N, C-alpha and C. Protein backbone atom coordinates (compact mmCIF):
# COMPACT_ATOMS: atom_id res chain seq x y z
N MET A 1 72.65 51.03 117.28
CA MET A 1 72.95 52.38 117.73
C MET A 1 72.25 53.42 116.86
N ILE A 2 72.25 53.17 115.56
CA ILE A 2 71.56 54.08 114.65
C ILE A 2 70.06 54.09 114.95
N GLN A 3 69.51 52.91 115.26
CA GLN A 3 68.08 52.83 115.57
C GLN A 3 67.75 53.65 116.81
N LEU A 4 68.62 53.61 117.79
CA LEU A 4 68.40 54.39 119.00
C LEU A 4 68.41 55.88 118.70
N LEU A 5 69.36 56.32 117.91
CA LEU A 5 69.43 57.74 117.56
C LEU A 5 68.20 58.18 116.76
N ILE A 6 67.78 57.35 115.82
CA ILE A 6 66.58 57.68 115.05
C ILE A 6 65.37 57.76 115.98
N GLY A 7 65.28 56.82 116.92
CA GLY A 7 64.18 56.84 117.88
C GLY A 7 64.18 58.08 118.75
N LEU A 8 65.36 58.51 119.16
CA LEU A 8 65.44 59.73 119.96
C LEU A 8 64.99 60.94 119.17
N VAL A 9 65.39 61.00 117.91
CA VAL A 9 64.98 62.12 117.06
C VAL A 9 63.47 62.12 116.89
N ILE A 10 62.91 60.95 116.61
CA ILE A 10 61.45 60.85 116.45
C ILE A 10 60.76 61.24 117.75
N GLY A 11 61.32 60.78 118.87
CA GLY A 11 60.72 61.11 120.17
C GLY A 11 60.75 62.60 120.46
N ILE A 12 61.85 63.24 120.11
CA ILE A 12 61.94 64.68 120.32
C ILE A 12 60.94 65.42 119.45
N LEU A 13 60.83 64.98 118.19
CA LEU A 13 59.89 65.65 117.29
C LEU A 13 58.45 65.45 117.71
N ILE A 14 58.11 64.27 118.15
CA ILE A 14 56.72 63.98 118.53
C ILE A 14 56.42 64.53 119.92
N GLY A 15 57.37 64.44 120.81
CA GLY A 15 57.13 64.86 122.19
C GLY A 15 56.53 63.70 122.97
N TRP A 16 57.35 62.81 123.45
CA TRP A 16 56.88 61.57 124.07
C TRP A 16 56.02 61.82 125.30
N ASN A 17 56.21 62.93 125.98
CA ASN A 17 55.47 63.19 127.22
C ASN A 17 54.25 64.09 127.00
N TRP A 18 54.02 64.47 125.77
CA TRP A 18 52.85 65.30 125.48
C TRP A 18 51.74 64.43 124.91
N THR A 19 50.58 65.00 124.76
CA THR A 19 49.47 64.29 124.14
C THR A 19 49.85 63.97 122.70
N GLN A 20 49.68 62.70 122.34
CA GLN A 20 50.11 62.25 121.02
C GLN A 20 48.91 61.93 120.15
N PRO A 21 48.99 62.27 118.88
CA PRO A 21 47.96 61.81 117.94
C PRO A 21 48.10 60.30 117.75
N PRO A 22 47.05 59.64 117.28
CA PRO A 22 47.10 58.18 117.13
C PRO A 22 48.25 57.69 116.25
N TRP A 23 48.58 58.43 115.18
CA TRP A 23 49.67 57.97 114.32
C TRP A 23 51.01 58.02 115.05
N ALA A 24 51.16 58.96 115.96
CA ALA A 24 52.41 59.06 116.72
C ALA A 24 52.52 57.91 117.72
N LYS A 25 51.41 57.52 118.31
CA LYS A 25 51.44 56.39 119.23
C LYS A 25 51.79 55.10 118.50
N ARG A 26 51.26 54.92 117.28
CA ARG A 26 51.58 53.73 116.49
C ARG A 26 53.06 53.74 116.12
N LEU A 27 53.57 54.90 115.74
CA LEU A 27 54.98 55.01 115.36
C LEU A 27 55.87 54.71 116.56
N GLN A 28 55.53 55.23 117.72
CA GLN A 28 56.31 54.98 118.92
C GLN A 28 56.27 53.50 119.28
N ALA A 29 55.11 52.88 119.22
CA ALA A 29 54.99 51.46 119.56
C ALA A 29 55.79 50.60 118.60
N SER A 30 55.75 50.92 117.31
CA SER A 30 56.51 50.12 116.35
C SER A 30 58.01 50.29 116.57
N PHE A 31 58.45 51.48 116.92
CA PHE A 31 59.87 51.69 117.19
C PHE A 31 60.32 50.93 118.44
N VAL A 32 59.50 50.98 119.48
CA VAL A 32 59.85 50.27 120.71
C VAL A 32 59.92 48.77 120.44
N ASN A 33 59.00 48.24 119.66
CA ASN A 33 59.05 46.83 119.31
C ASN A 33 60.29 46.50 118.49
N LEU A 34 60.67 47.39 117.60
CA LEU A 34 61.86 47.18 116.78
C LEU A 34 63.11 47.12 117.66
N VAL A 35 63.21 48.03 118.60
CA VAL A 35 64.37 48.06 119.49
C VAL A 35 64.39 46.82 120.37
N ARG A 36 63.23 46.42 120.87
CA ARG A 36 63.17 45.21 121.70
C ARG A 36 63.59 43.98 120.92
N SER A 37 63.10 43.86 119.70
CA SER A 37 63.44 42.67 118.91
C SER A 37 64.92 42.66 118.55
N SER A 38 65.50 43.81 118.25
CA SER A 38 66.92 43.84 117.92
C SER A 38 67.77 43.61 119.16
N SER A 39 67.33 44.05 120.32
CA SER A 39 68.10 43.81 121.54
C SER A 39 67.99 42.35 121.96
N ASP A 40 66.86 41.72 121.69
CA ASP A 40 66.73 40.29 121.98
C ASP A 40 67.70 39.48 121.15
N LYS A 41 67.92 39.88 119.92
CA LYS A 41 68.83 39.16 119.04
C LYS A 41 70.27 39.30 119.52
N THR A 42 70.64 40.44 120.05
CA THR A 42 72.02 40.64 120.48
C THR A 42 72.29 39.99 121.83
N ASP A 43 71.25 39.73 122.62
CA ASP A 43 71.44 39.11 123.93
C ASP A 43 71.82 37.63 123.81
N HIS A 44 71.45 37.00 122.73
CA HIS A 44 71.69 35.55 122.60
C HIS A 44 73.02 35.28 122.03
């Protein structure tokens, strides 16, 4: 839950629907991977 809130804050600050600098795209991709991996662990 904390990860989701942090991701939302980062998304708001970066602006997920706007043009993103390369570092923002890397940050977004790493966060999405983190959420996916943690959700995979809770599904089992």
